[in-house]
C-alpha atoms as a PDB file:
ATOM      1  CA  MET A   1       0.000   0.000   0.000  1.00  0.00           C
ATOM      2  CA  PRO A   2       1.544   3.350  -1.014  1.00  0.00           C
ATOM      3  CA  LYS A   3       2.435   5.802   1.742  1.00  0.00           C
ATOM      4  CA  LEU A   4       0.202   8.842   2.095  1.00  0.00           C
ATOM      5  CA  ARG A   5       1.928  12.199   1.527  1.00  0.00           C
ATOM      6  CA  LYS A   6       2.030  14.399   4.566  1.00  0.00           C
ATOM      7  CA  LYS A   7       0.046  17.597   4.139  1.00  0.00           C
ATOM      8  CA  PRO A   8       2.506  20.538   3.854  1.00  0.00           C
ATOM      9  CA  THR A   9       2.441  23.173   6.559  1.00  0.00           C
ATOM     10  CA  ASN A  10       1.635  26.810   5.890  1.00  0.00           C
ATOM     11  CA  ILE A  11       5.270  27.817   6.208  1.00  0.00           C
ATOM     12  CA  GLU A  12       6.346  25.129   3.726  1.00  0.00           C
ATOM     13  CA  ILE A  13       3.750  26.372   1.246  1.00  0.00           C
ATOM     14  CA  TYR A  14       4.933  29.945   1.772  1.00  0.00           C
ATOM     15  CA  HIS A  15       8.588  29.033   1.105  1.00  0.00           C
ATOM     16  CA  ALA A  16       7.682  26.964  -1.989  1.00  0.00           C
ATOM     17  CA  LYS A  17       5.712  29.844  -3.516  1.00  0.00           C
ATOM     18  CA  ARG A  18       8.421  32.366  -2.614  1.00  0.00           C
ATOM     19  CA  ARG A  19      11.127  30.196  -4.181  1.00  0.00           C
ATOM     20  CA  ALA A  20       9.059  29.713  -7.339  1.00  0.00           C
ATOM     21  CA  ARG A  21       8.550  33.482  -7.716  1.00  0.00           C
ATOM     22  CA  GLU A  22      12.285  34.077  -7.283  1.00  0.00           C
ATOM     23  CA  ILE A  23      13.184  31.486  -9.959  1.00  0.00           C
ATOM     24  CA  ILE A  24      10.679  32.906 -12.463  1.00  0.00           C
ATOM     25  CA  SER A  25      11.732  36.495 -11.749  1.00  0.00           C
ATOM     26  CA  SER A  26      15.450  35.695 -12.101  1.00  0.00           C
ATOM     27  CA  ALA A  27      14.925  33.823 -15.356  1.00  0.00           C
ATOM     28  CA  VAL A  28      12.888  36.631 -16.962  1.00  0.00           C
ATOM     29  CA  ASN A  29      14.789  39.679 -15.722  1.00  0.00           C
ATOM     30  CA  PRO A  30      17.768  38.956 -13.455  1.00  0.00           C
ATOM     31  CA  SER A  31      18.611  41.890 -11.175  1.00  0.00           C
ATOM     32  CA  PRO A  32      22.170  43.134 -10.498  1.00  0.00           C
ATOM     33  CA  LEU A  33      21.779  41.978  -6.897  1.00  0.00           C
ATOM     34  CA  SER A  34      20.845  38.420  -7.906  1.00  0.00           C
ATOM     35  CA  VAL A  35      23.810  38.291 -10.309  1.00  0.00           C
ATOM     36  CA  GLN A  36      26.156  39.530  -7.570  1.00  0.00           C
ATOM     37  CA  THR A  37      24.708  37.041  -5.105  1.00  0.00           C
ATOM     38  CA  SER A  38      25.147  34.202  -7.592  1.00  0.00           C
ATOM     39  CA  ASN A  39      28.736  35.253  -8.222  1.00  0.00           C
ATOM     40  CA  PHE A  40      29.310  35.485  -4.496  1.00  0.00           C
ATOM     41  CA  LEU A  41      27.935  31.985  -3.890  1.00  0.00           C
ATOM     42  CA  ARG A  42      29.961  30.594  -6.795  1.00  0.00           C
ATOM     43  CA  ASP A  43      33.147  32.243  -5.529  1.00  0.00           C
ATOM     44  CA  SER A  44      32.463  31.169  -1.966  1.00  0.00           C
ATOM     45  CA  SER A  45      31.913  27.569  -3.067  1.00  0.00           C
ATOM     46  CA  SER A  46      35.198  27.638  -4.964  1.00  0.00           C
ATOM     47  CA  ASP A  47      37.008  29.133  -1.979  1.00  0.00           C
ATOM     48  CA  ARG A  48      35.635  26.495   0.372  1.00  0.00           C
ATOM     49  CA  THR A  49      36.808  23.792  -2.010  1.00  0.00           C
ATOM     50  CA  ASN A  50      40.338  25.214  -2.246  1.00  0.00           C
ATOM     51  CA  ALA A  51      40.662  26.340   1.355  1.00  0.00           C
ATOM     52  CA  SER A  52      37.955  25.344   3.788  1.00  0.00           C
ATOM     53  CA  ASN A  53      39.089  27.853   6.409  1.00  0.00           C
ATOM     54  CA  THR A  54      38.977  30.920   4.125  1.00  0.00           C
ATOM     55  CA  GLU A  55      36.236  33.353   5.150  1.00  0.00           C
ATOM     56  CA  SER A  56      34.206  34.983   2.386  1.00  0.00           C
ATOM     57  CA  SER A  57      32.567  38.380   2.660  1.00  0.00           C
ATOM     58  CA  ILE A  58      29.237  39.452   1.255  1.00  0.00           C
ATOM     59  CA  SER A  59      29.109  42.333  -1.196  1.00  0.00           C
ATOM     60  CA  GLN A  60      28.010  45.654   0.325  1.00  0.00           C
ATOM     61  CA  ASP A  61      24.939  45.410  -1.933  1.00  0.00           C
ATOM     62  CA  TYR A  62      23.777  42.616   0.355  1.00  0.00           C
ATOM     63  CA  PHE A  63      22.535  45.415   2.587  1.00  0.00           C
ATOM     64  CA  GLU A  64      19.956  48.018   1.705  1.00  0.00           C
ATOM     65  CA  THR A  65      21.402  51.217   0.233  1.00  0.00           C
ATOM     66  CA  ASP A  66      19.836  53.465   2.878  1.00  0.00           C
ATOM     67  CA  VAL A  67      21.960  51.776   5.535  1.00  0.00           C
ATOM     68  CA  VAL A  68      25.214  52.674   3.810  1.00  0.00           C
ATOM     69  CA  ASN A  69      24.117  56.330   3.592  1.00  0.00           C
ATOM     70  CA  ALA A  70      22.724  56.499   7.120  1.00  0.00           C
ATOM     71  CA  GLY A  71      25.079  59.213   8.383  1.00  0.00           C
ATOM     72  CA  ASP A  72      24.091  62.497   9.986  1.00  0.00           C
ATOM     73  CA  ASN A  73      24.798  66.130   9.238  1.00  0.00           C
ATOM     74  CA  MET A  74      27.342  66.572  12.015  1.00  0.00           C
ATOM     75  CA  GLU A  75      29.665  63.652  11.304  1.00  0.00           C
ATOM     76  CA  ASP A  76      29.428  63.304   7.528  1.00  0.00           C
ATOM     77  CA  CYS A  77      31.538  60.134   7.648  1.00  0.00           C
ATOM     78  CA  PRO A  78      30.930  56.733   5.969  1.00  0.00           C
ATOM     79  CA  PHE A  79      30.016  53.475   7.651  1.00  0.00           C
ATOM     80  CA  LEU A  80      32.544  50.643   7.588  1.00  0.00           C
ATOM     81  CA  VAL A  81      30.805  47.346   6.814  1.00  0.00           C
ATOM     82  CA  SER A  82      31.889  44.011   8.305  1.00  0.00           C
ATOM     83  CA  THR A  83      30.073  40.849   7.222  1.00  0.00           C
ATOM     84  CA  SER A  84      30.015  37.082   7.583  1.00  0.00           C
ATOM     85  CA  THR A  85      29.159  34.370   5.094  1.00  0.00           C
ATOM     86  CA  GLU A  86      25.469  33.627   4.566  1.00  0.00           C
ATOM     87  CA  LYS A  87      25.660  30.382   6.549  1.00  0.00           C
ATOM     88  CA  GLU A  88      27.778  31.722   9.399  1.00  0.00           C
ATOM     89  CA  GLU A  89      26.595  34.151  12.041  1.00  0.00           C
ATOM     90  CA  TYR A  90      28.660  37.313  12.501  1.00  0.00           C
ATOM     91  CA  THR A  91      30.506  37.606  15.820  1.00  0.00           C
ATOM     92  CA  ILE A  92      30.509  40.950  17.668  1.00  0.00           C
ATOM     93  CA  LEU A  93      33.790  41.792  19.347  1.00  0.00           C
ATOM     94  CA  GLY A  94      33.815  44.115  22.364  1.00  0.00           C
ATOM     95  CA  ARG A  95      31.012  46.300  23.720  1.00  0.00           C
ATOM     96  CA  ARG A  96      28.813  48.972  22.157  1.00  0.00           C
ATOM     97  CA  ILE A  97      27.115  52.069  23.570  1.00  0.00           C
ATOM     98  CA  VAL A  98      23.427  51.855  22.661  1.00  0.00           C
ATOM     99  CA  ASN A  99      20.212  53.825  22.988  1.00  0.00           C
ATOM    100  CA  VAL A 100      18.316  51.131  24.886  1.00  0.00           C
ATOM    101  CA  GLY A 101      14.827  52.478  24.245  1.00  0.00           C
ATOM    102  CA  TYR A 102      15.448  52.809  20.520  1.00  0.00           C
ATOM    103  CA  ILE A 103      16.899  49.270  20.308  1.00  0.00           C
ATOM    104  CA  PHE A 104      13.777  47.830  21.974  1.00  0.00           C
ATOM    105  CA  ASP A 105      11.513  49.749  19.579  1.00  0.00           C
ATOM    106  CA  GLN A 106      13.386  48.309  16.596  1.00  0.00           C
ATOM    107  CA  LEU A 107      13.220  44.756  17.986  1.00  0.00           C
ATOM    108  CA  CYS A 108       9.471  45.058  18.430  1.00  0.00           C
ATOM    109  CA  GLU A 109       9.152  46.288  14.852  1.00  0.00           C
ATOM    110  CA  ALA A 110      11.346  43.455  13.544  1.00  0.00           C
ATOM    111  CA  ASN A 111       9.248  40.886  15.370  1.00  0.00           C
ATOM    112  CA  LYS A 112       6.166  41.917  13.382  1.00  0.00           C
ATOM    113  CA  HIS A 113       7.397  40.086  10.281  1.00  0.00           C
ATOM    114  CA  SER A 114       6.567  36.791  12.037  1.00  0.00           C
ATOM    115  CA  GLU A 115       2.856  37.581  11.827  1.00  0.00           C
ATOM    116  CA  ILE A 116       2.935  36.591   8.142  1.00  0.00           C
ATOM    117  CA  THR A 117       5.375  33.691   8.073  1.00  0.00           C
ATOM    118  CA  GLY A 118       5.150  32.277  11.579  1.00  0.00           C
ATOM    119  CA  CYS A 119       8.832  33.024  12.246  1.00  0.00           C
ATOM    120  CA  SER A 120       9.959  34.239  15.660  1.00  0.00           C
ATOM    121  CA  ILE A 121      12.590  36.764  16.603  1.00  0.00           C
ATOM    122  CA  SER A 122      14.891  33.873  17.493  1.00  0.00           C
ATOM    123  CA  ASN A 123      15.154  33.135  13.759  1.00  0.00           C
ATOM    124  CA  LEU A 124      16.986  36.430  13.160  1.00  0.00           C
ATOM    125  CA  LYS A 125      20.687  35.778  12.596  1.00  0.00           C
ATOM    126  CA  LEU A 126      23.357  38.472  12.717  1.00  0.00           C
ATOM    127  CA  ARG A 127      25.048  38.801   9.308  1.00  0.00           C
ATOM    128  CA  GLY A 128      27.212  41.876   9.736  1.00  0.00           C
ATOM    129  CA  GLU A 129      27.853  45.272  11.286  1.00  0.00           C
ATOM    130  CA  SER A 130      28.352  48.782   9.878  1.00  0.00           C
ATOM    131  CA  LYS A 131      30.318  51.153  12.132  1.00  0.00           C
ATOM    132  CA  SER A 132      30.748  54.910  12.064  1.00  0.00           C
ATOM    133  CA  GLY A 133      32.686  55.988  15.136  1.00  0.00           C
ATOM    134  CA  LEU A 134      30.702  54.828  18.156  1.00  0.00           C
ATOM    135  CA  LYS A 135      27.547  54.257  16.124  1.00  0.00           C
ATOM    136  CA  SER A 136      26.782  50.801  14.760  1.00  0.00           C
ATOM    137  CA  ILE A 137      24.133  49.246  12.554  1.00  0.00           C
ATOM    138  CA  PHE A 138      23.624  45.502  13.041  1.00  0.00           C
ATOM    139  CA  HIS A 139      22.337  43.629   9.989  1.00  0.00           C
ATOM    140  CA  TYR A 140      20.038  40.677  10.690  1.00  0.00           C
ATOM    141  CA  GLU A 141      18.448  38.112   8.405  1.00  0.00           C
ATOM    142  CA  CYS A 142      15.702  35.610   9.197  1.00  0.00           C
ATOM    143  CA  ASN A 143      16.891  32.061   8.511  1.00  0.00           C
ATOM    144  CA  MET A 144      13.315  30.979   7.770  1.00  0.00           C
ATOM    145  CA  CYS A 145      11.914  33.554   5.338  1.00  0.00           C
ATOM    146  CA  GLY A 146      14.952  35.677   4.379  1.00  0.00           C
ATOM    147  CA  TYR A 147      13.554  38.861   5.968  1.00  0.00           C
ATOM    148  CA  LYS A 148      16.291  41.478   6.546  1.00  0.00           C
ATOM    149  CA  CYS A 149      16.340  44.176   9.235  1.00  0.00           C
ATOM    150  CA  HIS A 150      18.892  46.691  10.477  1.00  0.00           C
ATOM    151  CA  LEU A 151      19.186  47.649  14.155  1.00  0.00           C
ATOM    152  CA  HIS A 152      20.736  51.060  14.867  1.00  0.00           C
ATOM    153  CA  THR A 153      22.517  51.623  18.177  1.00  0.00           C
ATOM    154  CA  ASP A 154      21.716  55.338  17.991  1.00  0.00           C
ATOM    155  CA  LEU A 155      18.976  57.477  16.477  1.00  0.00           C
ATOM    156  CA  PRO A 156      19.733  58.018  12.769  1.00  0.00           C
ATOM    157  CA  LYS A 157      17.636  61.186  12.540  1.00  0.00           C
ATOM    158  CA  PRO A 158      19.358  64.254  11.027  1.00  0.00           C
ATOM    159  CA  ASN A 159      19.772  67.554  12.910  1.00  0.00           C
ATOM    160  CA  THR A 160      20.136  65.753  16.247  1.00  0.00           C
ATOM    161  CA  SER A 161      23.304  65.115  18.226  1.00  0.00           C
ATOM    162  CA  SER A 162      24.651  61.579  17.988  1.00  0.00           C
ATOM    163  CA  ILE A 163      26.767  59.554  20.395  1.00  0.00           C
ATOM    164  CA  ASN A 164      29.845  60.648  18.411  1.00  0.00           C
ATOM    165  CA  ASP A 165      28.970  64.338  18.795  1.00  0.00           C
ATOM    166  CA  ASP A 166      28.264  63.920  22.503  1.00  0.00           C
ATOM    167  CA  VAL A 167      31.546  62.105  23.203  1.00  0.00           C
ATOM    168  CA  VAL A 168      33.610  64.837  21.517  1.00  0.00           C
ATOM    169  CA  LEU A 169      31.651  67.572  23.318  1.00  0.00           C
ATOM    170  CA  ALA A 170      31.984  65.755  26.670  1.00  0.00           C
ATOM    171  CA  GLY A 171      35.736  65.531  26.113  1.00  0.00           C
ATOM    172  CA  ALA A 172      35.935  69.280  25.579  1.00  0.00           C
ATOM    173  CA  ALA A 173      33.804  69.952  28.673  1.00  0.00           C
ATOM    174  CA  THR A 174      36.005  67.761  30.891  1.00  0.00           C
ATOM    175  CA  GLY A 175      39.318  68.944  29.474  1.00  0.00           C
ATOM    176  CA  ILE A 176      40.399  65.785  27.646  1.00  0.00           C
ATOM    177  CA  GLY A 177      41.203  65.179  23.995  1.00  0.00           C
ATOM    178  CA  PHE A 178      41.246  62.364  21.470  1.00  0.00           C
ATOM    179  CA  THR A 179      44.048  60.360  23.103  1.00  0.00           C
ATOM    180  CA  GLN A 180      42.375  60.294  26.521  1.00  0.00           C
ATOM    181  CA  ILE A 181      38.975  59.415  25.006  1.00  0.00           C
ATOM    182  CA  GLU A 182      40.553  56.607  22.985  1.00  0.00           C
ATOM    183  CA  GLU A 183      42.325  55.200  26.055  1.00  0.00           C
ATOM    184  CA  PHE A 184      39.143  55.361  28.139  1.00  0.00           C
ATOM    185  CA  LEU A 185      37.045  53.574  25.504  1.00  0.00           C
ATOM    186  CA  SER A 186      39.776  50.983  25.046  1.00  0.00           C
ATOM    187  CA  GLY A 187      39.713  50.324  28.787  1.00  0.00           C
ATOM    188  CA  ILE A 188      36.003  49.438  28.665  1.00  0.00           C
ATOM    189  CA  ASP A 189      36.377  47.485  25.383  1.00  0.00           C
ATOM    190  CA  VAL A 190      34.396  49.895  23.201  1.00  0.00           C
ATOM    191  CA  PRO A 191      35.703  50.623  19.656  1.00  0.00           C
ATOM    192  CA  SER A 192      36.806  54.260  19.445  1.00  0.00           C
ATOM    193  CA  LEU A 193      36.367  56.969  16.836  1.00  0.00           C
ATOM    194  CA  SER A 194      39.097  57.371  14.253  1.00  0.00           C
ATOM    195  CA  THR A 195      41.289  60.466  14.368  1.00  0.00           C
ATOM    196  CA  PRO A 196      39.801  62.022  11.167  1.00  0.00           C
ATOM    197  CA  THR A 197      36.250  61.479  12.450  1.00  0.00           C
ATOM    198  CA  PHE A 198      37.109  63.071  15.804  1.00  0.00           C
ATOM    199  CA  ARG A 199      38.763  66.107  14.168  1.00  0.00           C
ATOM    200  CA  ASN A 200      35.878  66.564  11.751  1.00  0.00           C
ATOM    201  CA  ILE A 201      33.287  66.584  14.551  1.00  0.00           C
ATOM    202  CA  GLN A 202      35.483  68.815  16.724  1.00  0.00           C
ATOM    203  CA  GLU A 203      35.787  71.488  14.023  1.00  0.00           C
ATOM    204  CA  LYS A 204      32.047  71.545  13.404  1.00  0.00           C
ATOM    205  CA  LEU A 205      31.287  71.680  17.129  1.00  0.00           C
ATOM    206  CA  ILE A 206      33.653  74.643  17.527  1.00  0.00           C
ATOM    207  CA  ASN A 207      31.744  76.499  14.818  1.00  0.00           C
ATOM    208  CA  HIS A 208      28.413  75.746  16.516  1.00  0.00           C
ATOM    209  CA  VAL A 209      29.707  76.868  19.926  1.00  0.00           C
ATOM    210  CA  GLU A 210      30.996  80.140  18.462  1.00  0.00           C
ATOM    211  CA  GLU A 211      27.637  80.810  16.790  1.00  0.00           C
ATOM    212  CA  VAL A 212      25.694  80.155  20.008  1.00  0.00           C
ATOM    213  CA  SER A 213      28.133  82.271  22.056  1.00  0.00           C
ATOM    214  CA  ALA A 214      27.840  85.194  19.642  1.00  0.00           C
ATOM    215  CA  GLU A 215      24.037  85.048  19.773  1.00  0.00           C
ATOM    216  CA  SER A 216      24.046  84.868  23.575  1.00  0.00           C
ATOM    217  CA  CYS A 217      26.349  87.898  23.851  1.00  0.00           C
ATOM    218  CA  PHE A 218      24.207  89.867  21.415  1.00  0.00           C
ATOM    219  CA  LEU A 219      21.020  89.208  23.395  1.00  0.00           C
ATOM    220  CA  ALA A 220      22.748  90.215  26.650  1.00  0.00           C
ATOM    221  CA  ALA A 221      23.965  93.449  25.017  1.00  0.00           C
ATOM    222  CA  GLN A 222      20.425  94.271  23.909  1.00  0.00           C
ATOM    223  CA  GLU A 223      19.251  93.928  27.523  1.00  0.00           C
ATOM    224  CA  GLU A 224      21.996  96.286  28.668  1.00  0.00           C
ATOM    225  CA  LYS A 225      21.139  98.707  25.871  1.00  0.00           C
ATOM    226  CA  GLN A 226      17.460  98.732  26.772  1.00  0.00           C
ATOM    227  CA  TYR A 227      18.289  99.368  30.429  1.00  0.00           C
ATOM    228  CA  ALA A 228      20.568 102.278  29.439  1.00  0.00           C
ATOM    229  CA  LEU A 229      17.871 103.862  27.260  1.00  0.00           C
ATOM    230  CA  GLU A 230      15.234 103.526  29.972  1.00  0.00           C
ATOM    231  CA  ASN A 231      17.520 105.249  32.491  1.00  0.00           C
ATOM    232  CA  GLY A 232      18.694 108.019  30.175  1.00  0.00           C
ATOM    233  CA  ASN A 233      22.274 106.797  29.937  1.00  0.00           C
ATOM    234  CA  VAL A 234      22.831 108.231  26.461  1.00  0.00           C
ATOM    235  CA  ASP A 235      25.689 110.362  25.110  1.00  0.00           C
ATOM    236  CA  ASP A 236      24.960 113.661  23.372  1.00  0.00           C
ATOM    237  CA  ASP A 237      25.260 111.921  19.977  1.00  0.00           C
ATOM    238  CA  GLY A 238      22.481 109.450  20.868  1.00  0.00           C
ATOM    239  CA  VAL A 239      24.611 106.373  21.591  1.00  0.00           C
ATOM    240  CA  PRO A 240      23.705 104.627  24.906  1.00  0.00           C
ATOM    241  CA  PHE A 241      26.503 103.846  27.350  1.00  0.00           C
ATOM    242  CA  ILE A 242      26.785 101.236  30.103  1.00  0.00           C
ATOM    243  CA  THR A 243      29.045 100.061  32.918  1.00  0.00           C
ATOM    244  CA  VAL A 244      30.943  96.806  32.436  1.00  0.00           C
ATOM    245  CA  VAL A 245      33.117  94.497  34.519  1.00  0.00           C
ATOM    246  CA  LEU A 246      36.467  93.393  33.069  1.00  0.00           C
ATOM    247  CA  ASP A 247      38.460  90.260  33.763  1.00  0.00           C
ATOM    248  CA  GLY A 248      41.033  88.121  32.046  1.00  0.00           C
ATOM    249  CA  MET A 249      43.034  84.946  32.572  1.00  0.00           C
ATOM    250  CA  TRP A 250      45.986  83.053  31.152  1.00  0.00           C
ATOM    251  CA  THR A 251      47.710  79.784  31.915  1.00  0.00           C
ATOM    252  CA  ARG A 252      50.491  80.039  34.460  1.00  0.00           C
ATOM    253  CA  ARG A 253      52.651  77.322  35.985  1.00  0.00           C
ATOM    254  CA  SER A 254      55.907  76.988  37.873  1.00  0.00           C
ATOM    255  CA  TYR A 255      58.327  74.085  38.347  1.00  0.00           C
ATOM    256  CA  GLY A 256      61.258  75.897  39.888  1.00  0.00           C
ATOM    257  CA  SER A 257      60.967  78.515  37.131  1.00  0.00           C
ATOM    258  CA  GLN A 258      58.011  80.662  36.085  1.00  0.00           C
ATOM    259  CA  TYR A 259      56.250  80.054  32.777  1.00  0.00           C
ATOM    260  CA  ASN A 260      53.386  82.103  31.339  1.00  0.00           C
ATOM    261  CA  SER A 261      51.257  81.121  28.365  1.00  0.00           C
ATOM    262  CA  ALA A 262      51.308  83.395  25.323  1.00  0.00           C
ATOM    263  CA  SER A 263      47.496  83.154  24.996  1.00  0.00           C
ATOM    264  CA  GLY A 264      44.605  83.697  27.370  1.00  0.00           C
ATOM    265  CA  CYS A 265      40.960  84.699  27.615  1.00  0.00           C
ATOM    266  CA  ALA A 266      39.451  88.161  28.108  1.00  0.00           C
ATOM    267  CA  THR A 267      35.884  88.773  29.279  1.00  0.00           C
ATOM    268  CA  ILE A 268      33.618  91.830  29.382  1.00  0.00           C
ATOM    269  CA  ILE A 269      30.489  91.429  31.523  1.00  0.00           C
ATOM    270  CA  GLY A 270      27.483  93.739  31.659  1.00  0.00           C
ATOM    271  CA  TYR A 271      27.136  95.235  35.152  1.00  0.00           C
ATOM    272  CA  HIS A 272      23.334  95.298  35.055  1.00  0.00           C
ATOM    273  CA  THR A 273      22.600  91.872  33.538  1.00  0.00           C
ATOM    274  CA  LYS A 274      25.699  90.067  34.909  1.00  0.00           C
ATOM    275  CA  LYS A 275      25.933  88.434  31.475  1.00  0.00           C
ATOM    276  CA  VAL A 276      28.930  88.100  29.160  1.00  0.00           C
ATOM    277  CA  LEU A 277      29.091  90.694  26.367  1.00  0.00           C
ATOM    278  CA  PHE A 278      32.480  89.834  24.914  1.00  0.00           C
ATOM    279  CA  MET A 279      34.866  86.938  25.291  1.00  0.00           C
ATOM    280  CA  GLY A 280      37.920  86.069  23.269  1.00  0.00           C
ATOM    281  CA  SER A 281      41.559  85.138  23.285  1.00  0.00           C
ATOM    282  CA  SER A 282      42.683  88.671  22.426  1.00  0.00           C
ATOM    283  CA  ALA A 283      43.002  91.711  24.682  1.00  0.00           C
ATOM    284  CA  ILE A 284      40.014  93.376  26.360  1.00  0.00           C
ATOM    285  CA  LEU A 285      40.709  96.480  24.290  1.00  0.00           C
ATOM    286  CA  GLU A 286      39.321  94.703  21.210  1.00  0.00           C
ATOM    287  CA  GLY A 287      35.946  94.361  22.946  1.00  0.00           C
ATOM    288  CA  PHE A 288      35.825  98.123  23.562  1.00  0.00           C
ATOM    289  CA  LYS A 289      36.735  98.946  19.970  1.00  0.00           C
ATOM    290  CA  LYS A 290      33.999  96.667  18.583  1.00  0.00           C
ATOM    291  CA  SER A 291      31.177  97.544  21.003  1.00  0.00           C
ATOM    292  CA  GLU A 292      29.572 100.234  18.831  1.00  0.00           C
ATOM    293  CA  GLU A 293      29.862  98.162  15.666  1.00  0.00           C
ATOM    294  CA  MET A 294      28.527  94.977  17.285  1.00  0.00           C
ATOM    295  CA  TYR A 295      25.897  96.308  19.686  1.00  0.00           C
ATOM    296  CA  GLY A 296      25.487 100.070  19.257  1.00  0.00           C
ATOM    297  CA  LEU A 297      26.822 100.537  22.802  1.00  0.00           C
ATOM    298  CA  ARG A 298      29.692 102.261  24.562  1.00  0.00           C
ATOM    299  CA  TYR A 299      31.437 100.878  27.613  1.00  0.00           C
ATOM    300  CA  LYS A 300      31.860 104.250  29.314  1.00  0.00           C
ATOM    301  CA  TYR A 301      32.517 103.008  32.846  1.00  0.00           C
ATOM    302  CA  PHE A 302      34.332  99.836  33.751  1.00  0.00           C
ATOM    303  CA  ILE A 303      35.191  97.952  36.920  1.00  0.00           C
ATOM    304  CA  GLY A 304      38.440  95.998  37.027  1.00  0.00           C
ATOM    305  CA  ASP A 305      40.632  94.076  39.469  1.00  0.00           C
ATOM    306  CA  GLY A 306      43.402  96.633  39.727  1.00  0.00           C
ATOM    307  CA  ASP A 307      45.242  95.759  36.514  1.00  0.00           C
ATOM    308  CA  SER A 308      46.681  99.191  35.714  1.00  0.00           C
ATOM    309  CA  ASN A 309      48.072  97.888  32.430  1.00  0.00           C
ATOM    310  CA  SER A 310      44.572  97.190  31.022  1.00  0.00           C
ATOM    311  CA  TYR A 311      43.283 100.545  32.272  1.00  0.00           C
ATOM    312  CA  ARG A 312      46.142 102.472  30.650  1.00  0.00           C
ATOM    313  CA  LYS A 313      45.694 100.669  27.289  1.00  0.00           C
ATOM    314  CA  ILE A 314      42.003 101.568  27.162  1.00  0.00           C
ATOM    315  CA  ILE A 315      42.590 105.208  28.127  1.00  0.00           C
ATOM    316  CA  ASP A 316      45.436 105.655  25.658  1.00  0.00           C
ATOM    317  CA  ALA A 317      43.589 103.955  22.771  1.00  0.00           C
ATOM    318  CA  LYS A 318      40.500 106.206  23.092  1.00  0.00           C
ATOM    319  CA  PRO A 319      38.131 103.617  21.540  1.00  0.00           C
ATOM    320  CA  TYR A 320      35.281 106.183  21.431  1.00  0.00           C
ATOM    321  CA  GLY A 321      37.245 109.201  20.316  1.00  0.00           C
ATOM    322  CA  ASP A 322      36.874 112.156  22.658  1.00  0.00           C
ATOM    323  CA  LYS A 323      34.278 110.349  24.785  1.00  0.00           C
ATOM    324  CA  GLU A 324      35.967 109.684  28.105  1.00  0.00           C
ATOM    325  CA  ASN A 325      36.318 106.194  29.640  1.00  0.00           C
ATOM    326  CA  ARG A 326      36.385 105.967  33.415  1.00  0.00           C
ATOM    327  CA  SER A 327      37.555 103.139  35.623  1.00  0.00           C
ATOM    328  CA  ASN A 328      36.548 102.076  39.115  1.00  0.00           C
ATOM    329  CA  GLU A 329      39.313  99.617  40.025  1.00  0.00           C
END
C-alpha cells in the first residue's frame, strides 16, 4: 500500500511559492543583486573547495542602500561594513554604547514580520555590522523567510546630536582630547572613533559653539542697551553707554621657574545683567573697539581688578574718540 503524503504546513507552502517566484523572476529579468549574489555563492563555493578555512565576505549590496548612507549632518563620515558568510553568524567583538529604548523599539518592529510567516525573533541571525565611530548598525536576516532588518545603536535622525557628537563635546567639557577618550574607551572594550572622524566633529562643534556664544552675547547686550535707554544713559550723539566688569586669565605654571602662556581669555560682563558681552583670546581692548559696531553701545565706565596695564591701554587707545572712559578699580 503506497504511503500517504504528509500535508505541507503553511510555512512550507509559503517558502515553496516564494522560491518559485524568485526562480521565475530571475529567469525573466535577473537583477544586479541576484547576479552579484550568484557570483558570491559561486566564488564562496570555490574558496571552500580550495581552502575550507577561508572566510568569504558578502558584497556591500547585500545590505539596503539606505543603511550605507545612514550618516548624519554633524559627522558626515561613511560606515565601515563588516560581514560574515550567509551560513555563518557574525561575531561581535567588544562592547557597544546603545540607545536602549530605541533598540527595543526596533526589535518590536522586527518581530512583526513573524505575523505573516510564523517566524519568531529567534530566527533572526546576525550577518554583519556597519560602524561609524561609536555608532553601529547591526544587519540581521531571518533564517526561515529571508527577511532582513537593520538595528541602529543610535537614532539616525538628522539635525540631532549623535553619540559621536556627545563624546567629543563631553571631552571638551572635561578637558580631555582624542588620546584620553581613545584610552578610556579601550579600557572598557568599546571601539573608538578614528582620528579624522574626531577632528571633523570637533571642528564643526567649535563652529556651533561660536555661533551660540555670539548670539548669547548679542542678546545680553540688547538687555543692557534697553536698560541704558530707559535710564537716560545716552551720550549727546544718541549712543547709549553702560558700565561693564572686566576680567582676564591666562595659563600660568611653575616648576622651579616661572612660565606664562602666550594666549589667554578676556571677558567683558554687563554690570546690570551680569551676562557676558564679549569673550575672546585677544586683549580686552578689542571688545571696547567693537562695542559700537557689534551692539550700538559704549562701555563708558568699567570695573576691574586693579590691573593698571589694562586701564592704561584703554585710556590711551581712546576707543570712542573724545568720549571719556572711566575706571573704578
